[in-house]
Amino acid sequence: MLKKLLFAVILSQSIFSSDIAYSDTPYDDPLVKSIIREFETYFPGIKVPKSGFINFQESPSVMVADSSTGKQRPSHGVCFPDWNNKKLNKIYLYAPWWRTSTNQWQKRKVLMHEMGHCLLNLKHLKNPLGYSIMSQTLDTVNPDGSNWGYLMGELRTRWMIYRRTGVGGYKY
């Protein structure tokens, strides 16, 4: 476990030490590639589909209430589940936000959150403290990413509880 955490920290430092350019194709985006590698490190038995699973979307598919202003805004990301075949689940990232957001940790949180829905079958966390990747707010991750290891550990623990008990996840 310590090796995995150390790998994630080293990987994140190497990714965030250089400028990351936006790509029109999610699988060509260096940050998306990094997040996929990290996900597969924490959840080795679950493979992220190599194409068609993560998509950029120019117009929003879902509007949400912003947690800081209360105003409606496009969702930064959304998982569209296929309830008949979870292998057909899709993630859509709101491209205008992905292109312009400078906070790499928030982007990482959004994609990891949607993979929590689409690949791990996890629901939103009803936690008043909000310290979970599966919470609905972006402020759960510190701007400098200093609590990322904690958040990933919490996500893995929640997934393990769901696998053993069925609590906190969707039923297929």
C-alpha atoms as a PDB file:
ATOM      1  CA  MET A   1       0.000   0.000   0.000  1.00  0.00           C
ATOM      2  CA  LEU A   2       2.840   2.363   0.854  1.00  0.00           C
ATOM      3  CA  LYS A   3       4.443   1.643  -2.540  1.00  0.00           C
ATOM      4  CA  LYS A   4       1.185   2.538  -4.300  1.00  0.00           C
ATOM      5  CA  LEU A   5       0.857   5.782  -2.346  1.00  0.00           C
ATOM      6  CA  LEU A   6       4.456   6.693  -3.051  1.00  0.00           C
ATOM      7  CA  PHE A   7       3.954   5.884  -6.764  1.00  0.00           C
ATOM      8  CA  ALA A   8       0.866   8.128  -6.866  1.00  0.00           C
ATOM      9  CA  VAL A   9       2.713  11.020  -5.194  1.00  0.00           C
ATOM     10  CA  ILE A  10       5.713  10.720  -7.527  1.00  0.00           C
ATOM     11  CA  LEU A  11       3.436  10.406 -10.559  1.00  0.00           C
ATOM     12  CA  SER A  12       1.407  13.434  -9.536  1.00  0.00           C
ATOM     13  CA  GLN A  13       4.519  15.537  -8.938  1.00  0.00           C
ATOM     14  CA  SER A  14       5.927  14.674 -12.356  1.00  0.00           C
ATOM     15  CA  ILE A  15       2.629  15.460 -14.059  1.00  0.00           C
ATOM     16  CA  PHE A  16       2.082  18.760 -12.258  1.00  0.00           C
ATOM     17  CA  SER A  17       5.630  20.020 -12.605  1.00  0.00           C
ATOM     18  CA  SER A  18       5.088  20.713 -16.299  1.00  0.00           C
ATOM     19  CA  ASP A  19       2.428  22.560 -18.232  1.00  0.00           C
ATOM     20  CA  ILE A  20      -0.403  20.357 -19.408  1.00  0.00           C
ATOM     21  CA  ALA A  21      -1.922  21.147 -22.774  1.00  0.00           C
ATOM     22  CA  TYR A  22      -5.572  20.513 -23.491  1.00  0.00           C
ATOM     23  CA  SER A  23      -6.338  17.881 -26.110  1.00  0.00           C
ATOM     24  CA  ASP A  24      -9.566  17.498 -28.077  1.00  0.00           C
ATOM     25  CA  THR A  25      -9.355  13.743 -27.514  1.00  0.00           C
ATOM     26  CA  PRO A  26      -9.496  12.725 -23.838  1.00  0.00           C
ATOM     27  CA  TYR A  27      -7.198   9.746 -24.315  1.00  0.00           C
ATOM     28  CA  ASP A  28      -4.492  12.061 -25.720  1.00  0.00           C
ATOM     29  CA  ASP A  29      -4.726  14.456 -22.775  1.00  0.00           C
ATOM     30  CA  PRO A  30      -1.705  13.951 -20.461  1.00  0.00           C
ATOM     31  CA  LEU A  31      -3.756  14.600 -17.333  1.00  0.00           C
ATOM     32  CA  VAL A  32      -6.448  12.092 -18.347  1.00  0.00           C
ATOM     33  CA  LYS A  33      -3.704   9.516 -19.021  1.00  0.00           C
ATOM     34  CA  SER A  34      -2.215  10.202 -15.590  1.00  0.00           C
ATOM     35  CA  ILE A  35      -5.583   9.826 -13.853  1.00  0.00           C
ATOM     36  CA  ILE A  36      -6.262   6.537 -15.654  1.00  0.00           C
ATOM     37  CA  ARG A  37      -2.853   5.189 -14.563  1.00  0.00           C
ATOM     38  CA  GLU A  38      -3.499   6.264 -10.981  1.00  0.00           C
ATOM     39  CA  PHE A  39      -6.978   4.698 -10.975  1.00  0.00           C
ATOM     40  CA  GLU A  40      -5.583   1.407 -12.271  1.00  0.00           C
ATOM     41  CA  THR A  41      -2.854   1.519  -9.591  1.00  0.00           C
ATOM     42  CA  TYR A  42      -5.382   1.897  -6.774  1.00  0.00           C
ATOM     43  CA  PHE A  43      -7.874  -0.543  -8.333  1.00  0.00           C
ATOM     44  CA  PRO A  44      -5.685  -3.104 -10.156  1.00  0.00           C
ATOM     45  CA  GLY A  45      -8.524  -5.478 -11.015  1.00  0.00           C
ATOM     46  CA  ILE A  46     -10.506  -2.786 -12.821  1.00  0.00           C
ATOM     47  CA  LYS A  47      -9.381  -1.629 -16.244  1.00  0.00           C
ATOM     48  CA  VAL A  48     -10.449   1.682 -17.737  1.00  0.00           C
ATOM     49  CA  PRO A  49     -11.738   1.123 -21.294  1.00  0.00           C
ATOM     50  CA  LYS A  50      -9.169   2.285 -23.846  1.00  0.00           C
ATOM     51  CA  SER A  51     -11.600   4.217 -26.050  1.00  0.00           C
ATOM     52  CA  GLY A  52     -15.101   5.660 -26.047  1.00  0.00           C
ATOM     53  CA  PHE A  53     -15.472   5.622 -22.254  1.00  0.00           C
ATOM     54  CA  ILE A  54     -14.224   9.141 -21.434  1.00  0.00           C
ATOM     55  CA  ASN A  55     -15.539  11.894 -23.695  1.00  0.00           C
ATOM     56  CA  PHE A  56     -15.324  15.678 -23.936  1.00  0.00           C
ATOM     57  CA  GLN A  57     -18.599  17.482 -24.436  1.00  0.00           C
ATOM     58  CA  GLU A  58     -18.923  21.080 -25.670  1.00  0.00           C
ATOM     59  CA  SER A  59     -22.477  21.668 -24.445  1.00  0.00           C
ATOM     60  CA  PRO A  60     -23.514  20.607 -20.947  1.00  0.00           C
ATOM     61  CA  SER A  61     -25.621  17.503 -20.532  1.00  0.00           C
ATOM     62  CA  VAL A  62     -26.488  18.220 -16.898  1.00  0.00           C
ATOM     63  CA  MET A  63     -26.924  21.458 -14.964  1.00  0.00           C
ATOM     64  CA  VAL A  64     -26.220  21.539 -11.221  1.00  0.00           C
ATOM     65  CA  ALA A  65     -26.425  24.075  -8.408  1.00  0.00           C
ATOM     66  CA  ASP A  66     -22.965  25.470  -7.675  1.00  0.00           C
ATOM     67  CA  SER A  67     -22.113  24.696  -4.038  1.00  0.00           C
ATOM     68  CA  SER A  68     -20.507  28.099  -3.435  1.00  0.00           C
ATOM     69  CA  THR A  69     -22.982  30.383  -5.242  1.00  0.00           C
ATOM     70  CA  GLY A  70     -26.183  28.317  -5.426  1.00  0.00           C
ATOM     71  CA  LYS A  71     -26.545  29.326  -9.093  1.00  0.00           C
ATOM     72  CA  GLN A  72     -27.065  26.813 -11.896  1.00  0.00           C
ATOM     73  CA  ARG A  73     -23.967  25.870 -13.870  1.00  0.00           C
ATOM     74  CA  PRO A  74     -22.935  23.024 -16.174  1.00  0.00           C
ATOM     75  CA  SER A  75     -21.749  19.895 -14.407  1.00  0.00           C
ATOM     76  CA  HIS A  76     -17.983  19.498 -14.812  1.00  0.00           C
ATOM     77  CA  GLY A  77     -18.438  15.789 -15.428  1.00  0.00           C
ATOM     78  CA  VAL A  78     -21.168  13.184 -15.528  1.00  0.00           C
ATOM     79  CA  CYS A  79     -21.396   9.399 -15.689  1.00  0.00           C
ATOM     80  CA  PHE A  80     -24.149   8.041 -17.906  1.00  0.00           C
ATOM     81  CA  PRO A  81     -24.714   4.456 -16.778  1.00  0.00           C
ATOM     82  CA  ASP A  82     -26.098   1.737 -18.988  1.00  0.00           C
ATOM     83  CA  TRP A  83     -28.189  -0.190 -16.475  1.00  0.00           C
ATOM     84  CA  ASN A  84     -28.294  -3.252 -18.757  1.00  0.00           C
ATOM     85  CA  ASN A  85     -24.546  -3.472 -19.347  1.00  0.00           C
ATOM     86  CA  LYS A  86     -22.162  -1.498 -17.133  1.00  0.00           C
ATOM     87  CA  LYS A  87     -19.384  -2.026 -19.694  1.00  0.00           C
ATOM     88  CA  LEU A  88     -21.262   0.530 -21.816  1.00  0.00           C
ATOM     89  CA  ASN A  89     -21.154   3.265 -19.141  1.00  0.00           C
ATOM     90  CA  LYS A  90     -19.773   6.583 -20.403  1.00  0.00           C
ATOM     91  CA  ILE A  91     -18.180   9.614 -18.783  1.00  0.00           C
ATOM     92  CA  TYR A  92     -18.677  13.079 -20.261  1.00  0.00           C
ATOM     93  CA  LEU A  93     -16.402  15.927 -19.172  1.00  0.00           C
ATOM     94  CA  TYR A  94     -17.542  19.480 -19.870  1.00  0.00           C
ATOM     95  CA  ALA A  95     -14.842  20.559 -22.346  1.00  0.00           C
ATOM     96  CA  PRO A  96     -15.013  24.365 -21.827  1.00  0.00           C
ATOM     97  CA  TRP A  97     -14.334  23.882 -18.107  1.00  0.00           C
ATOM     98  CA  TRP A  98     -11.616  21.259 -18.698  1.00  0.00           C
ATOM     99  CA  ARG A  99      -9.854  23.590 -21.175  1.00  0.00           C
ATOM    100  CA  THR A 100      -9.930  26.680 -18.961  1.00  0.00           C
ATOM    101  CA  SER A 101      -9.621  25.363 -15.409  1.00  0.00           C
ATOM    102  CA  THR A 102      -6.117  25.823 -14.056  1.00  0.00           C
ATOM    103  CA  ASN A 103      -6.614  23.672 -10.963  1.00  0.00           C
ATOM    104  CA  GLN A 104      -5.298  20.243 -11.983  1.00  0.00           C
ATOM    105  CA  TRP A 105      -6.379  18.746  -8.642  1.00  0.00           C
ATOM    106  CA  GLN A 106     -10.016  19.698  -9.235  1.00  0.00           C
ATOM    107  CA  LYS A 107      -9.864  18.133 -12.702  1.00  0.00           C
ATOM    108  CA  ARG A 108      -8.363  15.010 -11.160  1.00  0.00           C
ATOM    109  CA  LYS A 109     -11.142  14.968  -8.543  1.00  0.00           C
ATOM    110  CA  VAL A 110     -13.910  15.325 -11.169  1.00  0.00           C
ATOM    111  CA  LEU A 111     -12.664  12.485 -13.384  1.00  0.00           C
ATOM    112  CA  MET A 112     -11.884  10.199 -10.432  1.00  0.00           C
ATOM    113  CA  HIS A 113     -15.379  10.974  -9.033  1.00  0.00           C
ATOM    114  CA  GLU A 114     -17.050   9.989 -12.319  1.00  0.00           C
ATOM    115  CA  MET A 115     -14.953   6.805 -12.506  1.00  0.00           C
ATOM    116  CA  GLY A 116     -16.186   6.123  -8.964  1.00  0.00           C
ATOM    117  CA  HIS A 117     -19.719   6.094 -10.382  1.00  0.00           C
ATOM    118  CA  CYS A 118     -19.075   4.374 -13.719  1.00  0.00           C
ATOM    119  CA  LEU A 119     -16.433   1.799 -12.770  1.00  0.00           C
ATOM    120  CA  LEU A 120     -16.807   1.301  -9.011  1.00  0.00           C
ATOM    121  CA  ASN A 121     -20.629   1.721  -8.887  1.00  0.00           C
ATOM    122  CA  LEU A 122     -20.377   4.173  -5.976  1.00  0.00           C
ATOM    123  CA  LYS A 123     -23.042   6.729  -5.039  1.00  0.00           C
ATOM    124  CA  HIS A 124     -22.506  10.281  -3.799  1.00  0.00           C
ATOM    125  CA  LEU A 125     -21.323  10.445  -0.223  1.00  0.00           C
ATOM    126  CA  LYS A 126     -23.655  12.047   2.267  1.00  0.00           C
ATOM    127  CA  ASN A 127     -20.872  13.270   4.543  1.00  0.00           C
ATOM    128  CA  PRO A 128     -21.239  16.686   6.229  1.00  0.00           C
ATOM    129  CA  LEU A 129     -17.454  17.077   6.240  1.00  0.00           C
ATOM    130  CA  GLY A 130     -17.305  16.341   2.526  1.00  0.00           C
ATOM    131  CA  TYR A 131     -13.890  14.718   2.649  1.00  0.00           C
ATOM    132  CA  SER A 132     -14.493  12.254  -0.131  1.00  0.00           C
ATOM    133  CA  ILE A 133     -13.907  12.061  -3.851  1.00  0.00           C
ATOM    134  CA  MET A 134     -17.540  10.944  -4.018  1.00  0.00           C
ATOM    135  CA  SER A 135     -18.843  14.171  -2.438  1.00  0.00           C
ATOM    136  CA  GLN A 136     -20.530  16.564  -4.843  1.00  0.00           C
ATOM    137  CA  THR A 137     -18.271  19.565  -4.217  1.00  0.00           C
ATOM    138  CA  LEU A 138     -14.893  20.447  -5.695  1.00  0.00           C
ATOM    139  CA  ASP A 139     -13.530  21.898  -2.461  1.00  0.00           C
ATOM    140  CA  THR A 140     -12.886  18.452  -0.968  1.00  0.00           C
ATOM    141  CA  VAL A 141      -9.464  18.441  -2.606  1.00  0.00           C
ATOM    142  CA  ASN A 142      -6.997  21.024  -1.323  1.00  0.00           C
ATOM    143  CA  PRO A 143      -5.821  23.480  -4.013  1.00  0.00           C
ATOM    144  CA  ASP A 144      -2.280  22.110  -3.677  1.00  0.00           C
ATOM    145  CA  GLY A 145      -3.402  18.460  -3.633  1.00  0.00           C
ATOM    146  CA  SER A 146      -1.955  17.928  -0.151  1.00  0.00           C
ATOM    147  CA  ASN A 147      -4.909  15.726   0.902  1.00  0.00           C
ATOM    148  CA  TRP A 148      -5.041  13.668  -2.310  1.00  0.00           C
ATOM    149  CA  GLY A 149      -3.532  10.555  -0.726  1.00  0.00           C
ATOM    150  CA  TYR A 150      -6.181  10.663   2.000  1.00  0.00           C
ATOM    151  CA  LEU A 151      -8.987  11.083  -0.575  1.00  0.00           C
ATOM    152  CA  MET A 152      -7.767   8.165  -2.688  1.00  0.00           C
ATOM    153  CA  GLY A 153      -7.427   5.976   0.409  1.00  0.00           C
ATOM    154  CA  GLU A 154     -10.973   6.888   1.423  1.00  0.00           C
ATOM    155  CA  LEU A 155     -12.248   6.077  -2.092  1.00  0.00           C
ATOM    156  CA  ARG A 156     -10.564   2.669  -2.011  1.00  0.00           C
ATOM    157  CA  THR A 157     -11.975   1.948   1.460  1.00  0.00           C
ATOM    158  CA  ARG A 158     -15.503   2.910   0.364  1.00  0.00           C
ATOM    159  CA  TRP A 159     -15.201   0.635  -2.678  1.00  0.00           C
ATOM    160  CA  MET A 160     -14.013  -2.264  -0.509  1.00  0.00           C
ATOM    161  CA  ILE A 161     -16.959  -1.744   1.876  1.00  0.00           C
ATOM    162  CA  TYR A 162     -19.367  -1.642  -1.082  1.00  0.00           C
ATOM    163  CA  ARG A 163     -17.901  -4.872  -2.520  1.00  0.00           C
ATOM    164  CA  ARG A 164     -18.325  -6.667   0.809  1.00  0.00           C
ATOM    165  CA  THR A 165     -21.667  -5.231   1.917  1.00  0.00           C
ATOM    166  CA  GLY A 166     -23.413  -3.562  -1.043  1.00  0.00           C
ATOM    167  CA  VAL A 167     -23.695  -0.381   1.056  1.00  0.00           C
ATOM    168  CA  GLY A 168     -23.022   2.914  -0.730  1.00  0.00           C
ATOM    169  CA  GLY A 169     -23.312   1.689  -4.289  1.00  0.00           C
ATOM    170  CA  TYR A 170     -25.699   1.148  -7.159  1.00  0.00           C
ATOM    171  CA  LYS A 171     -27.371  -2.189  -7.793  1.00  0.00           C
ATOM    172  CA  TYR A 172     -27.007  -3.604 -11.285  1.00  0.00           C
END
